[in-house]
PDB file of all heavy atoms in Angstrom:
ATOM      1  N   PRO A   1     112.979 303.381 230.932  1.00  0.00           N
ATOM      2  CA  PRO A   1     111.580 303.420 230.488  1.00  0.00           C
ATOM      3  C   PRO A   1     111.099 304.779 230.006  1.00  0.00           C
ATOM      4  O   PRO A   1     110.056 304.862 229.356  1.00  0.00           O
ATOM      5  CB  PRO A   1     110.811 302.999 231.746  1.00  0.00           C
ATOM      6  CG  PRO A   1     111.676 303.455 232.872  1.00  0.00           C
ATOM      7  CD  PRO A   1     113.086 303.232 232.391  1.00  0.00           C
ATOM      8  N   VAL A   2     111.820 305.871 230.319  1.00  0.00           N
ATOM      9  CA  VAL A   2     111.340 307.196 229.918  1.00  0.00           C
ATOM     10  C   VAL A   2     111.931 307.659 228.592  1.00  0.00           C
ATOM     11  O   VAL A   2     111.601 308.751 228.116  1.00  0.00           O
ATOM     12  CB  VAL A   2     111.624 308.250 231.008  1.00  0.00           C
ATOM     13  CG1 VAL A   2     110.908 307.887 232.287  1.00  0.00           C
ATOM     14  CG2 VAL A   2     113.115 308.417 231.248  1.00  0.00           C
ATOM     15  N   ASN A   3     112.768 306.821 227.953  1.00  0.00           N
ATOM     16  CA  ASN A   3     113.330 307.200 226.657  1.00  0.00           C
ATOM     17  C   ASN A   3     112.210 307.475 225.661  1.00  0.00           C
ATOM     18  O   ASN A   3     111.316 306.655 225.462  1.00  0.00           O
ATOM     19  CB  ASN A   3     114.214 306.071 226.106  1.00  0.00           C
ATOM     20  CG  ASN A   3     115.628 306.142 226.635  1.00  0.00           C
ATOM     21  OD1 ASN A   3     115.959 307.008 227.433  1.00  0.00           O
ATOM     22  ND2 ASN A   3     116.477 305.225 226.193  1.00  0.00           N
ATOM     23  N   GLY A   4     112.279 308.626 225.021  1.00  0.00           N
ATOM     24  CA  GLY A   4     111.322 308.941 223.979  1.00  0.00           C
ATOM     25  C   GLY A   4     110.001 309.490 224.464  1.00  0.00           C
ATOM     26  O   GLY A   4     109.151 309.843 223.640  1.00  0.00           O
ATOM     27  N   LEU A   5     109.795 309.571 225.768  1.00  0.00           N
ATOM     28  CA  LEU A   5     108.530 310.077 226.283  1.00  0.00           C
ATOM     29  C   LEU A   5     108.561 311.606 226.372  1.00  0.00           C
ATOM     30  O   LEU A   5     109.590 312.204 226.673  1.00  0.00           O
ATOM     31  CB  LEU A   5     108.239 309.498 227.668  1.00  0.00           C
ATOM     32  CG  LEU A   5     107.965 307.990 227.735  1.00  0.00           C
ATOM     33  CD1 LEU A   5     107.729 307.571 229.186  1.00  0.00           C
ATOM     34  CD2 LEU A   5     106.766 307.597 226.885  1.00  0.00           C
ATOM     35  N   ASP A   6     107.416 312.233 226.110  1.00  0.00           N
ATOM     36  CA  ASP A   6     107.301 313.676 226.263  1.00  0.00           C
ATOM     37  C   ASP A   6     107.110 313.990 227.744  1.00  0.00           C
ATOM     38  O   ASP A   6     106.984 313.080 228.569  1.00  0.00           O
ATOM     39  CB  ASP A   6     106.152 314.218 225.417  1.00  0.00           C
ATOM     40  CG  ASP A   6     104.798 313.594 225.755  1.00  0.00           C
ATOM     41  OD1 ASP A   6     104.669 312.984 226.834  1.00  0.00           O
ATOM     42  OD2 ASP A   6     103.880 313.703 224.937  1.00  0.00           O
ATOM     43  N   PRO A   7     107.120 315.274 228.127  1.00  0.00           N
ATOM     44  CA  PRO A   7     106.989 315.605 229.554  1.00  0.00           C
ATOM     45  C   PRO A   7     105.772 314.987 230.224  1.00  0.00           C
ATOM     46  O   PRO A   7     105.857 314.537 231.367  1.00  0.00           O
ATOM     47  CB  PRO A   7     106.919 317.138 229.550  1.00  0.00           C
ATOM     48  CG  PRO A   7     107.720 317.527 228.346  1.00  0.00           C
ATOM     49  CD  PRO A   7     107.426 316.479 227.318  1.00  0.00           C
ATOM     50  N   GLU A   8     104.643 314.959 229.526  1.00  0.00           N
ATOM     51  CA  GLU A   8     103.450 314.338 230.104  1.00  0.00           C
ATOM     52  C   GLU A   8     103.671 312.850 230.329  1.00  0.00           C
ATOM     53  O   GLU A   8     103.274 312.292 231.355  1.00  0.00           O
ATOM     54  CB  GLU A   8     102.245 314.572 229.185  1.00  0.00           C
ATOM     55  CG  GLU A   8     100.920 314.060 229.733  1.00  0.00           C
ATOM     56  CD  GLU A   8     100.674 312.574 229.471  1.00  0.00           C
ATOM     57  OE1 GLU A   8     101.227 312.049 228.478  1.00  0.00           O
ATOM     58  OE2 GLU A   8      99.939 311.948 230.255  1.00  0.00           O
ATOM     59  N   GLY A   9     104.341 312.200 229.369  1.00  0.00           N
ATOM     60  CA  GLY A   9     104.614 310.778 229.492  1.00  0.00           C
ATOM     61  C   GLY A   9     105.598 310.476 230.604  1.00  0.00           C
ATOM     62  O   GLY A   9     105.476 309.467 231.309  1.00  0.00           O
ATOM     63  N   ILE A  10     106.591 311.352 230.784  1.00  0.00           N
ATOM     64  CA  ILE A  10     107.568 311.163 231.858  1.00  0.00           C
ATOM     65  C   ILE A  10     106.887 311.277 233.219  1.00  0.00           C
ATOM     66  O   ILE A  10     107.142 310.484 234.128  1.00  0.00           O
ATOM     67  CB  ILE A  10     108.716 312.188 231.717  1.00  0.00           C
ATOM     68  CG1 ILE A  10     109.554 311.867 230.471  1.00  0.00           C
ATOM     69  CG2 ILE A  10     109.593 312.195 232.964  1.00  0.00           C
ATOM     70  CD1 ILE A  10     110.618 312.901 230.160  1.00  0.00           C
ATOM     71  N   LEU A  11     106.014 312.276 233.359  1.00  0.00           N
ATOM     72  CA  LEU A  11     105.263 312.419 234.605  1.00  0.00           C
ATOM     73  C   LEU A  11     104.380 311.205 234.844  1.00  0.00           C
ATOM     74  O   LEU A  11     104.295 310.706 235.971  1.00  0.00           O
ATOM     75  CB  LEU A  11     104.407 313.689 234.554  1.00  0.00           C
ATOM     76  CG  LEU A  11     103.499 313.946 235.758  1.00  0.00           C
ATOM     77  CD1 LEU A  11     104.314 314.084 237.040  1.00  0.00           C
ATOM     78  CD2 LEU A  11     102.644 315.185 235.524  1.00  0.00           C
ATOM     79  N   TRP A  12     103.773 310.697 233.779  1.00  0.00           N
ATOM     80  CA  TRP A  12     102.916 309.516 233.904  1.00  0.00           C
ATOM     81  C   TRP A  12     103.706 308.302 234.398  1.00  0.00           C
ATOM     82  O   TRP A  12     103.273 307.605 235.320  1.00  0.00           O
ATOM     83  CB  TRP A  12     102.245 309.191 232.565  1.00  0.00           C
ATOM     84  CG  TRP A  12     101.597 307.846 232.569  1.00  0.00           C
ATOM     85  CD1 TRP A  12     100.413 307.497 233.162  1.00  0.00           C
ATOM     86  CD2 TRP A  12     102.127 306.637 232.012  1.00  0.00           C
ATOM     87  NE1 TRP A  12     100.165 306.154 232.993  1.00  0.00           N
ATOM     88  CE2 TRP A  12     101.201 305.601 232.295  1.00  0.00           C
ATOM     89  CE3 TRP A  12     103.287 306.323 231.295  1.00  0.00           C
ATOM     90  CZ2 TRP A  12     101.401 304.285 231.880  1.00  0.00           C
ATOM     91  CZ3 TRP A  12     103.486 305.011 230.880  1.00  0.00           C
ATOM     92  CH2 TRP A  12     102.554 304.012 231.180  1.00  0.00           C
ATOM     93  N   ILE A  13     104.860 308.015 233.794  1.00  0.00           N
ATOM     94  CA  ILE A  13     105.622 306.830 234.179  1.00  0.00           C
ATOM     95  C   ILE A  13     106.156 306.976 235.594  1.00  0.00           C
ATOM     96  O   ILE A  13     106.223 306.012 236.359  1.00  0.00           O
ATOM     97  CB  ILE A  13     106.764 306.518 233.180  1.00  0.00           C
ATOM     98  CG1 ILE A  13     107.406 305.160 233.486  1.00  0.00           C
ATOM     99  CG2 ILE A  13     107.810 307.602 233.163  1.00  0.00           C
ATOM    100  CD1 ILE A  13     106.485 303.980 233.393  1.00  0.00           C
ATOM    101  N   ARG A  14     106.513 308.218 235.995  1.00  0.00           N
ATOM    102  CA  ARG A  14     106.962 308.439 237.366  1.00  0.00           C
ATOM    103  C   ARG A  14     105.855 308.066 238.363  1.00  0.00           C
ATOM    104  O   ARG A  14     106.070 307.301 239.304  1.00  0.00           O
ATOM    105  CB  ARG A  14     107.367 309.892 237.581  1.00  0.00           C
ATOM    106  CG  ARG A  14     107.810 310.212 239.012  1.00  0.00           C
ATOM    107  CD  ARG A  14     107.688 311.691 239.330  1.00  0.00           C
ATOM    108  NE  ARG A  14     108.361 312.519 238.333  1.00  0.00           N
ATOM    109  CZ  ARG A  14     108.176 313.835 238.246  1.00  0.00           C
ATOM    110  NH1 ARG A  14     107.347 314.453 239.071  1.00  0.00           N
ATOM    111  NH2 ARG A  14     108.800 314.539 237.323  1.00  0.00           N
ATOM    112  N   GLN A  15     104.675 308.614 238.133  1.00  0.00           N
ATOM    113  CA  GLN A  15     103.552 308.340 239.027  1.00  0.00           C
ATOM    114  C   GLN A  15     103.131 306.879 238.964  1.00  0.00           C
ATOM    115  O   GLN A  15     102.742 306.295 239.983  1.00  0.00           O
ATOM    116  CB  GLN A  15     102.388 309.268 238.672  1.00  0.00           C
ATOM    117  CG  GLN A  15     102.695 310.730 238.915  1.00  0.00           C
ATOM    118  CD  GLN A  15     101.605 311.658 238.410  1.00  0.00           C
ATOM    119  OE1 GLN A  15     100.795 311.285 237.554  1.00  0.00           O
ATOM    120  NE2 GLN A  15     101.556 312.878 238.932  1.00  0.00           N
ATOM    121  N   PHE A  16     103.235 306.283 237.782  1.00  0.00           N
ATOM    122  CA  PHE A  16     102.882 304.881 237.607  1.00  0.00           C
ATOM    123  C   PHE A  16     103.802 303.982 238.429  1.00  0.00           C
ATOM    124  O   PHE A  16     103.342 303.103 239.168  1.00  0.00           O
ATOM    125  CB  PHE A  16     102.971 304.527 236.118  1.00  0.00           C
ATOM    126  CG  PHE A  16     102.596 303.108 235.774  1.00  0.00           C
ATOM    127  CD1 PHE A  16     101.293 302.664 235.914  1.00  0.00           C
ATOM    128  CD2 PHE A  16     103.554 302.222 235.307  1.00  0.00           C
ATOM    129  CE1 PHE A  16     100.944 301.363 235.589  1.00  0.00           C
ATOM    130  CE2 PHE A  16     103.218 300.926 234.977  1.00  0.00           C
ATOM    131  CZ  PHE A  16     101.906 300.492 235.120  1.00  0.00           C
ATOM    132  N   MET A  17     105.108 304.209 238.343  1.00  0.00           N
ATOM    133  CA  MET A  17     106.063 303.386 239.090  1.00  0.00           C
ATOM    134  C   MET A  17     105.895 303.576 240.589  1.00  0.00           C
ATOM    135  O   MET A  17     105.971 302.615 241.362  1.00  0.00           O
ATOM    136  CB  MET A  17     107.499 303.700 238.645  1.00  0.00           C
ATOM    137  CG  MET A  17     107.825 303.224 237.247  1.00  0.00           C
ATOM    138  SD  MET A  17     109.586 303.353 236.810  1.00  0.00           S
ATOM    139  CE  MET A  17     109.794 305.131 236.789  1.00  0.00           C
ATOM    140  N   GLN A  18     105.676 304.806 241.014  1.00  0.00           N
ATOM    141  CA  GLN A  18     105.487 305.054 242.440  1.00  0.00           C
ATOM    142  C   GLN A  18     104.208 304.406 242.951  1.00  0.00           C
ATOM    143  O   GLN A  18     104.171 303.897 244.077  1.00  0.00           O
ATOM    144  CB  GLN A  18     105.479 306.557 242.703  1.00  0.00           C
ATOM    145  CG  GLN A  18     106.850 307.207 242.514  1.00  0.00           C
ATOM    146  CD  GLN A  18     106.825 308.713 242.627  1.00  0.00           C
ATOM    147  OE1 GLN A  18     105.790 309.353 242.378  1.00  0.00           O
ATOM    148  NE2 GLN A  18     107.950 309.323 242.978  1.00  0.00           N
ATOM    149  N   ALA A  19     103.160 304.387 242.110  1.00  0.00           N
ATOM    150  CA  ALA A  19     101.915 303.732 242.503  1.00  0.00           C
ATOM    151  C   ALA A  19     102.108 302.226 242.619  1.00  0.00           C
ATOM    152  O   ALA A  19     101.569 301.583 243.538  1.00  0.00           O
ATOM    153  CB  ALA A  19     100.817 304.052 241.490  1.00  0.00           C
ATOM    154  N   LEU A  20     102.874 301.629 241.715  1.00  0.00           N
ATOM    155  CA  LEU A  20     103.157 300.194 241.784  1.00  0.00           C
ATOM    156  C   LEU A  20     103.909 299.861 243.077  1.00  0.00           C
ATOM    157  O   LEU A  20     103.600 298.882 243.749  1.00  0.00           O
ATOM    158  CB  LEU A  20     103.985 299.762 240.573  1.00  0.00           C
ATOM    159  CG  LEU A  20     103.289 299.796 239.214  1.00  0.00           C
ATOM    160  CD1 LEU A  20     104.300 299.524 238.099  1.00  0.00           C
ATOM    161  CD2 LEU A  20     102.149 298.781 239.149  1.00  0.00           C
ATOM    162  N   ALA A  21     104.895 300.673 243.421  1.00  0.00           N
ATOM    163  CA  ALA A  21     105.650 300.451 244.647  1.00  0.00           C
ATOM    164  C   ALA A  21     104.759 300.608 245.872  1.00  0.00           C
ATOM    165  O   ALA A  21     104.882 299.850 246.846  1.00  0.00           O
ATOM    166  CB  ALA A  21     106.836 301.408 244.722  1.00  0.00           C
ATOM    167  N   ALA A  22     103.852 301.583 245.820  1.00  0.00           N
ATOM    168  CA  ALA A  22     102.948 301.816 246.951  1.00  0.00           C
ATOM    169  C   ALA A  22     102.031 300.625 247.199  1.00  0.00           C
ATOM    170  O   ALA A  22     101.543 300.429 248.314  1.00  0.00           O
ATOM    171  CB  ALA A  22     102.130 303.079 246.714  1.00  0.00           C
ATOM    172  N   GLU A  23     101.812 299.818 246.166  1.00  0.00           N
ATOM    173  CA  GLU A  23     101.009 298.600 246.312  1.00  0.00           C
ATOM    174  C   GLU A  23     101.816 297.445 246.911  1.00  0.00           C
ATOM    175  O   GLU A  23     101.281 296.356 247.104  1.00  0.00           O
ATOM    176  CB  GLU A  23     100.467 298.169 244.952  1.00  0.00           C
ATOM    177  CG  GLU A  23      99.452 299.143 244.364  1.00  0.00           C
ATOM    178  CD  GLU A  23      99.054 298.810 242.935  1.00  0.00           C
ATOM    179  OE1 GLU A  23      99.648 297.869 242.360  1.00  0.00           O
ATOM    180  OE2 GLU A  23      98.159 299.478 242.394  1.00  0.00           O
ATOM    181  N   GLY A  24     103.104 297.690 247.180  1.00  0.00           N
ATOM    182  CA  GLY A  24     103.950 296.661 247.769  1.00  0.00           C
ATOM    183  C   GLY A  24     104.773 295.887 246.762  1.00  0.00           C
ATOM    184  O   GLY A  24     105.453 294.917 247.123  1.00  0.00           O
ATOM    185  N   ARG A  25     104.769 296.321 245.514  1.00  0.00           N
ATOM    186  CA  ARG A  25     105.546 295.619 244.490  1.00  0.00           C
ATOM    187  C   ARG A  25     107.008 296.058 244.534  1.00  0.00           C
ATOM    188  O   ARG A  25     107.352 297.121 245.060  1.00  0.00           O
ATOM    189  CB  ARG A  25     104.967 295.887 243.108  1.00  0.00           C
ATOM    190  CG  ARG A  25     103.489 295.556 242.981  1.00  0.00           C
ATOM    191  CD  ARG A  25     103.034 295.710 241.551  1.00  0.00           C
ATOM    192  NE  ARG A  25     101.603 295.955 241.464  1.00  0.00           N
ATOM    193  CZ  ARG A  25     100.769 295.334 240.650  1.00  0.00           C
ATOM    194  NH1 ARG A  25     101.224 294.388 239.853  1.00  0.00           N
ATOM    195  NH2 ARG A  25      99.488 295.634 240.618  1.00  0.00           N
ATOM    196  N   THR A  26     107.869 295.236 243.960  1.00  0.00           N
ATOM    197  CA  THR A  26     109.277 295.572 243.801  1.00  0.00           C
ATOM    198  C   THR A  26     109.447 296.252 242.455  1.00  0.00           C
ATOM    199  O   THR A  26     109.076 295.685 241.422  1.00  0.00           O
ATOM    200  CB  THR A  26     110.152 294.303 243.862  1.00  0.00           C
ATOM    201  OG1 THR A  26     109.951 293.651 245.113  1.00  0.00           O
ATOM    202  CG2 THR A  26     111.623 294.642 243.706  1.00  0.00           C
ATOM    203  N   VAL A  27     110.008 297.463 242.441  1.00  0.00           N
ATOM    204  CA  VAL A  27     110.192 298.221 241.206  1.00  0.00           C
ATOM    205  C   VAL A  27     111.665 298.591 241.076  1.00  0.00           C
ATOM    206  O   VAL A  27     112.202 299.323 241.902  1.00  0.00           O
ATOM    207  CB  VAL A  27     109.318 299.490 241.184  1.00  0.00           C
ATOM    208  CG1 VAL A  27     109.496 300.226 239.864  1.00  0.00           C
ATOM    209  CG2 VAL A  27     107.844 299.134 241.408  1.00  0.00           C
ATOM    210  N   PHE A  28     112.300 298.082 240.023  1.00  0.00           N
ATOM    211  CA  PHE A  28     113.733 298.262 239.790  1.00  0.00           C
ATOM    212  C   PHE A  28     113.887 298.924 238.426  1.00  0.00           C
ATOM    213  O   PHE A  28     113.494 298.361 237.404  1.00  0.00           O
ATOM    214  CB  PHE A  28     114.417 296.905 239.818  1.00  0.00           C
ATOM    215  CG  PHE A  28     115.926 296.936 239.834  1.00  0.00           C
ATOM    216  CD1 PHE A  28     116.625 297.853 240.598  1.00  0.00           C
ATOM    217  CD2 PHE A  28     116.662 296.006 239.108  1.00  0.00           C
ATOM    218  CE1 PHE A  28     118.017 297.871 240.628  1.00  0.00           C
ATOM    219  CE2 PHE A  28     118.048 295.991 239.140  1.00  0.00           C
ATOM    220  CZ  PHE A  28     118.721 296.936 239.900  1.00  0.00           C
ATOM    221  N   VAL A  29     114.429 300.139 238.392  1.00  0.00           N
ATOM    222  CA  VAL A  29     114.443 300.901 237.146  1.00  0.00           C
ATOM    223  C   VAL A  29     115.787 301.564 236.915  1.00  0.00           C
ATOM    224  O   VAL A  29     116.350 302.190 237.816  1.00  0.00           O
ATOM    225  CB  VAL A  29     113.309 301.960 237.141  1.00  0.00           C
ATOM    226  CG1 VAL A  29     113.376 302.846 238.386  1.00  0.00           C
ATOM    227  CG2 VAL A  29     113.324 302.811 235.891  1.00  0.00           C
TER     228      VAL A  29
END
């Protein structure tokens, strides 16, 4: 999912996935 993302975008997707997991979701990447 981080292909082509700039540093800000990479940080965003990292925090986004961790937030989804914190809600109890299953995140497979």
